[in-house]
C-alpha atoms as a PDB file:
ATOM      1  CA  MET A   1      95.599 120.732 100.206  1.00  0.00           C
ATOM      2  CA  PRO A   2      95.901 124.172  98.585  1.00  0.00           C
ATOM      3  CA  ALA A   3      96.012 124.202  94.795  1.00  0.00           C
ATOM      4  CA  HIS A   4      99.514 125.727  94.587  1.00  0.00           C
ATOM      5  CA  VAL A   5     100.918 123.077  96.940  1.00  0.00           C
ATOM      6  CA  ARG A   6      99.284 120.313  94.905  1.00  0.00           C
ATOM      7  CA  ALA A   7     100.681 121.809  91.667  1.00  0.00           C
ATOM      8  CA  ASN A   8     104.169 122.052  93.176  1.00  0.00           C
ATOM      9  CA  PHE A   9     103.987 118.435  94.365  1.00  0.00           C
ATOM     10  CA  ARG A  10     102.850 117.258  90.935  1.00  0.00           C
ATOM     11  CA  GLU A  11     105.658 119.177  89.243  1.00  0.00           C
ATOM     12  CA  ARG A  12     108.266 117.689  91.568  1.00  0.00           C
ATOM     13  CA  CYS A  13     106.898 114.157  91.016  1.00  0.00           C
ATOM     14  CA  LEU A  14     107.138 114.588  87.247  1.00  0.00           C
ATOM     15  CA  GLN A  15     110.704 115.890  87.616  1.00  0.00           C
ATOM     16  CA  VAL A  16     111.726 112.846  89.687  1.00  0.00           C
ATOM     17  CA  LEU A  17     110.167 110.471  87.151  1.00  0.00           C
ATOM     18  CA  GLN A  18     112.058 112.229  84.368  1.00  0.00           C
ATOM     19  CA  GLU A  19     115.346 111.904  86.299  1.00  0.00           C
ATOM     20  CA  ILE A  20     114.690 108.183  86.859  1.00  0.00           C
ATOM     21  CA  GLU A  21     114.103 107.657  83.137  1.00  0.00           C
ATOM     22  CA  GLU A  22     117.321 109.544  82.339  1.00  0.00           C
ATOM     23  CA  ALA A  23     119.254 107.340  84.785  1.00  0.00           C
ATOM     24  CA  ARG A  24     117.771 104.204  83.200  1.00  0.00           C
ATOM     25  CA  GLY A  25     118.739 105.507  79.756  1.00  0.00           C
ATOM     26  CA  GLU A  26     122.324 105.921  80.980  1.00  0.00           C
ATOM     27  CA  GLY A  27     122.327 102.328  82.269  1.00  0.00           C
ATOM     28  CA  ARG A  28     122.703 103.391  85.910  1.00  0.00           C
ATOM     29  CA  THR A  29     121.511 101.128  88.725  1.00  0.00           C
ATOM     30  CA  ILE A  30     118.602 102.562  90.691  1.00  0.00           C
ATOM     31  CA  ILE A  31     118.599 101.676  94.368  1.00  0.00           C
ATOM     32  CA  TYR A  32     115.409 102.005  96.410  1.00  0.00           C
ATOM     33  CA  LEU A  33     116.094 102.552 100.102  1.00  0.00           C
ATOM     34  CA  ASP A  34     113.803 102.825 103.116  1.00  0.00           C
ATOM     35  CA  GLU A  35     114.135 102.915 106.882  1.00  0.00           C
ATOM     36  CA  ILE A  36     111.807 102.108 109.760  1.00  0.00           C
ATOM     37  CA  ASN A  37     111.896 102.059 113.557  1.00  0.00           C
ATOM     38  CA  PHE A  38     110.107  99.373 115.536  1.00  0.00           C
ATOM     39  CA  THR A  39     109.290 100.340 119.107  1.00  0.00           C
ATOM     40  CA  LYS A  40     107.372  98.706 121.903  1.00  0.00           C
ATOM     41  CA  ARG A  41     106.335  99.855 125.312  1.00  0.00           C
ATOM     42  CA  SER A  42     104.709  96.959 127.088  1.00  0.00           C
ATOM     43  CA  VAL A  43     102.904  98.501 130.020  1.00  0.00           C
ATOM     44  CA  LEU A  44      99.182  98.335 130.642  1.00  0.00           C
ATOM     45  CA  LEU A  45      97.496 101.645 131.288  1.00  0.00           C
ATOM     46  CA  ARG A  46      94.956 100.058 133.648  1.00  0.00           C
ATOM     47  CA  GLU A  47      95.268  97.041 135.882  1.00  0.00           C
ATOM     48  CA  TRP A  48      93.253  95.324 138.569  1.00  0.00           C
ATOM     49  CA  SER A  49      94.483  94.395 142.050  1.00  0.00           C
ATOM     50  CA  ARG A  50      92.908  93.053 145.185  1.00  0.00           C
ATOM     51  CA  LYS A  51      91.954  95.329 148.004  1.00  0.00           C
ATOM     52  CA  ASN A  52      94.921  96.300 150.238  1.00  0.00           C
ATOM     53  CA  THR A  53      97.524  94.981 147.794  1.00  0.00           C
ATOM     54  CA  ASN A  54     100.123  96.885 145.776  1.00  0.00           C
ATOM     55  CA  LEU A  55     100.954  96.397 142.149  1.00  0.00           C
ATOM     56  CA  THR A  56     104.552  95.684 141.232  1.00  0.00           C
ATOM     57  CA  ILE A  57     106.085  96.471 137.886  1.00  0.00           C
ATOM     58  CA  ASP A  58     109.256  95.032 136.406  1.00  0.00           C
ATOM     59  CA  ASN A  59     111.062  97.939 134.711  1.00  0.00           C
ATOM     60  CA  GLU A  60     112.674  95.597 132.179  1.00  0.00           C
ATOM     61  CA  GLU A  61     109.220  94.705 130.895  1.00  0.00           C
ATOM     62  CA  ILE A  62     108.132  98.343 130.627  1.00  0.00           C
ATOM     63  CA  TYR A  63     110.987  99.790 128.604  1.00  0.00           C
ATOM     64  CA  VAL A  64     111.757  97.418 125.775  1.00  0.00           C
ATOM     65  CA  GLY A  65     114.390  98.692 123.363  1.00  0.00           C
ATOM     66  CA  TYR A  66     113.796  99.706 119.809  1.00  0.00           C
ATOM     67  CA  ARG A  67     115.064  98.331 116.524  1.00  0.00           C
ATOM     68  CA  SER A  68     115.977 100.426 113.489  1.00  0.00           C
ATOM     69  CA  VAL A  69     116.127  98.804 110.065  1.00  0.00           C
ATOM     70  CA  ILE A  70     117.437 100.083 106.736  1.00  0.00           C
ATOM     71  CA  ALA A  71     116.657  98.037 103.641  1.00  0.00           C
ATOM     72  CA  SER A  72     117.578  98.542  99.999  1.00  0.00           C
ATOM     73  CA  MET A  73     116.701  96.838  96.747  1.00  0.00           C
ATOM     74  CA  THR A  74     117.203  97.116  93.012  1.00  0.00           C
ATOM     75  CA  GLU A  75     115.000  96.053  90.113  1.00  0.00           C
ATOM     76  CA  GLU A  76     117.697  93.689  88.864  1.00  0.00           C
ATOM     77  CA  ALA A  77     118.784  92.012  92.115  1.00  0.00           C
ATOM     78  CA  GLY A  78     115.814  92.428  94.448  1.00  0.00           C
ATOM     79  CA  ILE A  79     116.655  92.988  98.119  1.00  0.00           C
ATOM     80  CA  THR A  80     120.357  93.796  98.356  1.00  0.00           C
ATOM     81  CA  LEU A  81     120.839  94.866 101.965  1.00  0.00           C
ATOM     82  CA  ILE A  82     119.010  94.760 105.261  1.00  0.00           C
ATOM     83  CA  HIS A  83     120.887  96.416 108.114  1.00  0.00           C
ATOM     84  CA  LYS A  84     119.557  96.231 111.688  1.00  0.00           C
END
């Protein structure tokens, strides 16, 4: 990472920490929030079959849906929301 990028990142981190301390000093609730996507594609890339036979694939098994999750928590209350 170039030195100026590292310095900028460090400066921004210090600024965020300062803002968090100011919010705590004002008695504001700090909410930590994160999101994630779970995906799955259940198809084998290689498979074996007997001579002169065809492989069959069930499309419902190949394209399994995805799940998105948003979760939030606070220091005081722990996990406050999980939305799927």
